[in-house]
Amino acid sequence: MNKWFLLDNGKIKGPFDLTEAQALVANNPYLYAWQPLYSHWTPVNQISHFNVAADIPSPPLDIPEELRLAFVEEERQLVTQLDKLDSELTPISDDIAEVTGEINRYLELTQSLNSEVSSVIANIEQQFAALQQNLAIKTKLN
C-alpha cells in the first residue's frame, strides 16, 4: 500500500502515490505524513521515503476515524479474498499431489517396461544371430 496522506495546517490531503507525495513535501518540508502501515501521523523529515532536512513541526490531530475505518474495511476485504483463494488452492494442491503420484507410478512402469523391452530385444538379436549362422552354414553346404 503506497497511498500517502499529508497533513498541512490541519487539512488532510491525499491519497497520493509516493512520487506525488515527495513532490508536495519538496515544496513544504513541514508536513506530516501517514499511510495505512503507520499508527500515527509522522513528520516527513522522519520518514526515509522523504529526503527532508527541516525542524519537527508541531504534532497534528489524530488520524480521522473515517479514514482509519476505510482502511480497516479494505483490509477485511483483502483478508476475505485471501481466505477464498486459500480454500480454492487446497483442492488444487491435492490434485497436484495426485498427479505427481501418477507421474511417479508411470515413471516406474516405463522404467520396468524399458528393461523388459531391452531384454526381449536382446533375445531376438541372439536368435537372429543364430539363424544367420545356421543360414550361412546351410548355404555353404549347398
C-alpha atoms as a PDB file:
ATOM      1  CA  MET A   1       0.000   0.000   0.000  1.00  0.00           C
ATOM      2  CA  ASN A   2       1.756   3.131  -1.165  1.00  0.00           C
ATOM      3  CA  LYS A   3      -1.119   5.527  -0.519  1.00  0.00           C
ATOM      4  CA  TRP A   4       0.190   8.560   1.331  1.00  0.00           C
ATOM      5  CA  PHE A   5      -1.857  11.205   3.111  1.00  0.00           C
ATOM      6  CA  LEU A   6      -0.368  14.541   4.046  1.00  0.00           C
ATOM      7  CA  LEU A   7      -1.449  16.862   6.803  1.00  0.00           C
ATOM      8  CA  ASP A   8      -0.987  20.566   6.101  1.00  0.00           C
ATOM      9  CA  ASN A   9      -2.184  23.007   8.755  1.00  0.00           C
ATOM     10  CA  GLY A  10      -4.916  20.635   9.917  1.00  0.00           C
ATOM     11  CA  LYS A  11      -6.097  19.793   6.388  1.00  0.00           C
ATOM     12  CA  ILE A  12      -5.717  16.237   5.165  1.00  0.00           C
ATOM     13  CA  LYS A  13      -4.662  15.896   1.551  1.00  0.00           C
ATOM     14  CA  GLY A  14      -4.452  12.701  -0.432  1.00  0.00           C
ATOM     15  CA  PRO A  15      -4.256   9.905  -1.165  1.00  0.00           C
ATOM     16  CA  PHE A  16      -1.060  10.337  -3.159  1.00  0.00           C
ATOM     17  CA  ASP A  17       1.374   7.848  -4.576  1.00  0.00           C
ATOM     18  CA  LEU A  18       4.941   8.187  -3.291  1.00  0.00           C
ATOM     19  CA  THR A  19       6.151  10.327  -6.216  1.00  0.00           C
ATOM     20  CA  GLU A  20       3.301  12.814  -5.821  1.00  0.00           C
ATOM     21  CA  ALA A  21       3.823  12.961  -2.064  1.00  0.00           C
ATOM     22  CA  GLN A  22       7.562  13.556  -2.498  1.00  0.00           C
ATOM     23  CA  ALA A  23       6.852  16.449  -4.885  1.00  0.00           C
ATOM     24  CA  LEU A  24       4.496  18.073  -2.358  1.00  0.00           C
ATOM     25  CA  VAL A  25       6.938  17.523   0.508  1.00  0.00           C
ATOM     26  CA  ALA A  26       9.758  19.095  -1.506  1.00  0.00           C
ATOM     27  CA  ASN A  27       7.731  22.334  -1.542  1.00  0.00           C
ATOM     28  CA  ASN A  28       6.643  22.088   2.093  1.00  0.00           C
ATOM     29  CA  PRO A  29       9.020  20.169   4.418  1.00  0.00           C
ATOM     30  CA  TYR A  30       6.835  20.877   7.480  1.00  0.00           C
ATOM     31  CA  LEU A  31       4.101  18.422   6.606  1.00  0.00           C
ATOM     32  CA  TYR A  32       3.093  15.287   8.434  1.00  0.00           C
ATOM     33  CA  ALA A  33       2.514  12.076   6.517  1.00  0.00           C
ATOM     34  CA  TRP A  34       0.552   8.940   7.149  1.00  0.00           C
ATOM     35  CA  GLN A  35      -0.156   5.691   5.322  1.00  0.00           C
ATOM     36  CA  PRO A  36      -2.073   2.614   6.489  1.00  0.00           C
ATOM     37  CA  LEU A  37       1.128   0.944   7.724  1.00  0.00           C
ATOM     38  CA  TYR A  38       1.685   3.800  10.183  1.00  0.00           C
ATOM     39  CA  SER A  39      -0.009   4.049  13.571  1.00  0.00           C
ATOM     40  CA  HIS A  40       0.096   7.858  13.683  1.00  0.00           C
ATOM     41  CA  TRP A  41       0.963  10.982  11.756  1.00  0.00           C
ATOM     42  CA  THR A  42       4.728  11.329  11.349  1.00  0.00           C
ATOM     43  CA  PRO A  43       6.777  14.390  10.389  1.00  0.00           C
ATOM     44  CA  VAL A  44       8.014  13.948   6.833  1.00  0.00           C
ATOM     45  CA  ASN A  45      11.585  14.693   7.914  1.00  0.00           C
ATOM     46  CA  GLN A  46      11.475  11.468   9.971  1.00  0.00           C
ATOM     47  CA  ILE A  47      10.312   9.253   7.097  1.00  0.00           C
ATOM     48  CA  SER A  48      13.031   7.692   4.960  1.00  0.00           C
ATOM     49  CA  HIS A  49      10.913   7.987   1.795  1.00  0.00           C
ATOM     50  CA  PHE A  50      11.189  11.764   2.005  1.00  0.00           C
ATOM     51  CA  ASN A  51      14.565  13.489   1.855  1.00  0.00           C
ATOM     52  CA  VAL A  52      13.842  16.499   4.041  1.00  0.00           C
ATOM     53  CA  ALA A  53      16.032  18.445   6.405  1.00  0.00           C
ATOM     54  CA  ALA A  54      13.680  20.555   8.496  1.00  0.00           C
ATOM     55  CA  ASP A  55      12.678  21.184  12.071  1.00  0.00           C
ATOM     56  CA  ILE A  56       9.986  18.953  13.503  1.00  0.00           C
ATOM     57  CA  PRO A  57       6.571  20.645  13.183  1.00  0.00           C
ATOM     58  CA  SER A  58       4.006  20.588  15.951  1.00  0.00           C
ATOM     59  CA  PRO A  59       2.047  17.329  16.222  1.00  0.00           C
ATOM     60  CA  PRO A  60      -1.159  17.009  14.192  1.00  0.00           C
ATOM     61  CA  LEU A  61      -4.546  15.712  15.180  1.00  0.00           C
ATOM     62  CA  ASP A  62      -5.292  12.024  15.388  1.00  0.00           C
ATOM     63  CA  ILE A  63      -5.985  10.144  12.185  1.00  0.00           C
ATOM     64  CA  PRO A  64      -9.639  10.731  11.317  1.00  0.00           C
ATOM     65  CA  GLU A  65     -11.862   7.792  12.237  1.00  0.00           C
ATOM     66  CA  GLU A  66     -13.482   7.597   8.776  1.00  0.00           C
ATOM     67  CA  LEU A  67     -10.062   7.327   7.136  1.00  0.00           C
ATOM     68  CA  ARG A  68      -8.918   4.629   9.561  1.00  0.00           C
ATOM     69  CA  LEU A  69     -12.189   2.717   9.152  1.00  0.00           C
ATOM     70  CA  ALA A  70     -11.912   2.852   5.355  1.00  0.00           C
ATOM     71  CA  PHE A  71      -8.554   1.133   5.521  1.00  0.00           C
ATOM     72  CA  VAL A  72      -9.750  -1.371   8.109  1.00  0.00           C
ATOM     73  CA  GLU A  73     -12.623  -2.274   5.768  1.00  0.00           C
ATOM     74  CA  GLU A  74     -10.213  -2.588   2.835  1.00  0.00           C
ATOM     75  CA  GLU A  75      -8.046  -4.890   4.952  1.00  0.00           C
ATOM     76  CA  ARG A  76     -11.097  -7.023   5.845  1.00  0.00           C
ATOM     77  CA  GLN A  77     -11.982  -7.370   2.173  1.00  0.00           C
ATOM     78  CA  LEU A  78      -8.430  -8.416   1.350  1.00  0.00           C
ATOM     79  CA  VAL A  79      -8.443 -11.000   4.145  1.00  0.00           C
ATOM     80  CA  THR A  80     -11.762 -12.367   2.844  1.00  0.00           C
ATOM     81  CA  GLN A  81     -10.327 -12.627  -0.665  1.00  0.00           C
ATOM     82  CA  LEU A  82      -7.194 -14.339   0.663  1.00  0.00           C
ATOM     83  CA  ASP A  83      -9.305 -16.824   2.635  1.00  0.00           C
ATOM     84  CA  LYS A  84     -11.311 -17.595  -0.510  1.00  0.00           C
ATOM     85  CA  LEU A  85      -8.126 -18.090  -2.539  1.00  0.00           C
ATOM     86  CA  ASP A  86      -6.689 -20.295   0.183  1.00  0.00           C
ATOM     87  CA  SER A  87      -9.792 -22.501   0.178  1.00  0.00           C
ATOM     88  CA  GLU A  88      -9.579 -22.751  -3.626  1.00  0.00           C
ATOM     89  CA  LEU A  89      -5.879 -23.633  -3.529  1.00  0.00           C
ATOM     90  CA  THR A  90      -6.288 -26.554  -1.114  1.00  0.00           C
ATOM     91  CA  PRO A  91      -8.090 -28.816  -3.651  1.00  0.00           C
ATOM     92  CA  ILE A  92      -5.604 -27.741  -6.326  1.00  0.00           C
ATOM     93  CA  SER A  93      -2.724 -28.765  -4.056  1.00  0.00           C
ATOM     94  CA  ASP A  94      -4.401 -32.135  -3.526  1.00  0.00           C
ATOM     95  CA  ASP A  95      -4.825 -32.533  -7.298  1.00  0.00           C
ATOM     96  CA  ILE A  96      -1.174 -31.661  -7.873  1.00  0.00           C
ATOM     97  CA  ALA A  97      -0.108 -34.260  -5.293  1.00  0.00           C
ATOM     98  CA  GLU A  98      -2.314 -36.863  -7.020  1.00  0.00           C
ATOM     99  CA  VAL A  99      -0.900 -36.026 -10.458  1.00  0.00           C
ATOM    100  CA  THR A 100       2.643 -36.194  -9.054  1.00  0.00           C
ATOM    101  CA  GLY A 101       1.877 -39.652  -7.667  1.00  0.00           C
ATOM    102  CA  GLU A 102       0.545 -40.778 -11.058  1.00  0.00           C
ATOM    103  CA  ILE A 103       3.629 -39.421 -12.815  1.00  0.00           C
ATOM    104  CA  ASN A 104       5.881 -41.326 -10.401  1.00  0.00           C
ATOM    105  CA  ARG A 105       3.893 -44.543 -10.986  1.00  0.00           C
ATOM    106  CA  TYR A 106       4.188 -44.120 -14.772  1.00  0.00           C
ATOM    107  CA  LEU A 107       7.921 -43.478 -14.451  1.00  0.00           C
ATOM    108  CA  GLU A 108       8.336 -46.730 -12.514  1.00  0.00           C
ATOM    109  CA  LEU A 109       6.199 -48.582 -15.056  1.00  0.00           C
ATOM    110  CA  THR A 110       8.100 -47.209 -18.054  1.00  0.00           C
ATOM    111  CA  GLN A 111      11.454 -47.995 -16.430  1.00  0.00           C
ATOM    112  CA  SER A 112      10.262 -51.557 -15.820  1.00  0.00           C
ATOM    113  CA  LEU A 113       8.961 -51.819 -19.377  1.00  0.00           C
ATOM    114  CA  ASN A 114      12.213 -50.410 -20.747  1.00  0.00           C
ATOM    115  CA  SER A 115      14.212 -53.159 -19.065  1.00  0.00           C
ATOM    116  CA  GLU A 116      11.728 -55.829 -20.261  1.00  0.00           C
ATOM    117  CA  VAL A 117      11.789 -54.473 -23.819  1.00  0.00           C
ATOM    118  CA  SER A 118      15.604 -54.370 -23.742  1.00  0.00           C
ATOM    119  CA  SER A 119      15.673 -57.979 -22.575  1.00  0.00           C
ATOM    120  CA  VAL A 120      13.279 -59.088 -25.356  1.00  0.00           C
ATOM    121  CA  ILE A 121      15.257 -57.178 -27.997  1.00  0.00           C
ATOM    122  CA  ALA A 122      18.497 -58.783 -26.786  1.00  0.00           C
ATOM    123  CA  ASN A 123      16.858 -62.219 -27.003  1.00  0.00           C
ATOM    124  CA  ILE A 124      15.573 -61.518 -30.543  1.00  0.00           C
ATOM    125  CA  GLU A 125      19.034 -60.329 -31.602  1.00  0.00           C
ATOM    126  CA  GLN A 126      20.563 -63.549 -30.248  1.00  0.00           C
ATOM    127  CA  GLN A 127      18.004 -65.629 -32.116  1.00  0.00           C
ATOM    128  CA  PHE A 128      18.615 -63.621 -35.295  1.00  0.00           C
ATOM    129  CA  ALA A 129      22.373 -64.124 -34.982  1.00  0.00           C
ATOM    130  CA  ALA A 130      21.855 -67.872 -34.513  1.00  0.00           C
ATOM    131  CA  LEU A 131      19.552 -68.021 -37.554  1.00  0.00           C
ATOM    132  CA  GLN A 132      22.078 -66.112 -39.657  1.00  0.00           C
ATOM    133  CA  GLN A 133      24.791 -68.527 -38.557  1.00  0.00           C
ATOM    134  CA  ASN A 134      22.601 -71.524 -39.419  1.00  0.00           C
ATOM    135  CA  LEU A 135      21.716 -69.963 -42.786  1.00  0.00           C
ATOM    136  CA  ALA A 136      25.400 -69.358 -43.543  1.00  0.00           C
ATOM    137  CA  ILE A 137      26.225 -72.966 -42.700  1.00  0.00           C
ATOM    138  CA  LYS A 138      23.376 -74.299 -44.877  1.00  0.00           C
ATOM    139  CA  THR A 139      24.394 -72.008 -47.730  1.00  0.00           C
ATOM    140  CA  LYS A 140      27.954 -73.389 -47.597  1.00  0.00           C
ATOM    141  CA  LEU A 141      26.672 -76.953 -47.569  1.00  0.00           C
ATOM    142  CA  ASN A 142      24.545 -76.480 -50.686  1.00  0.00           C
END
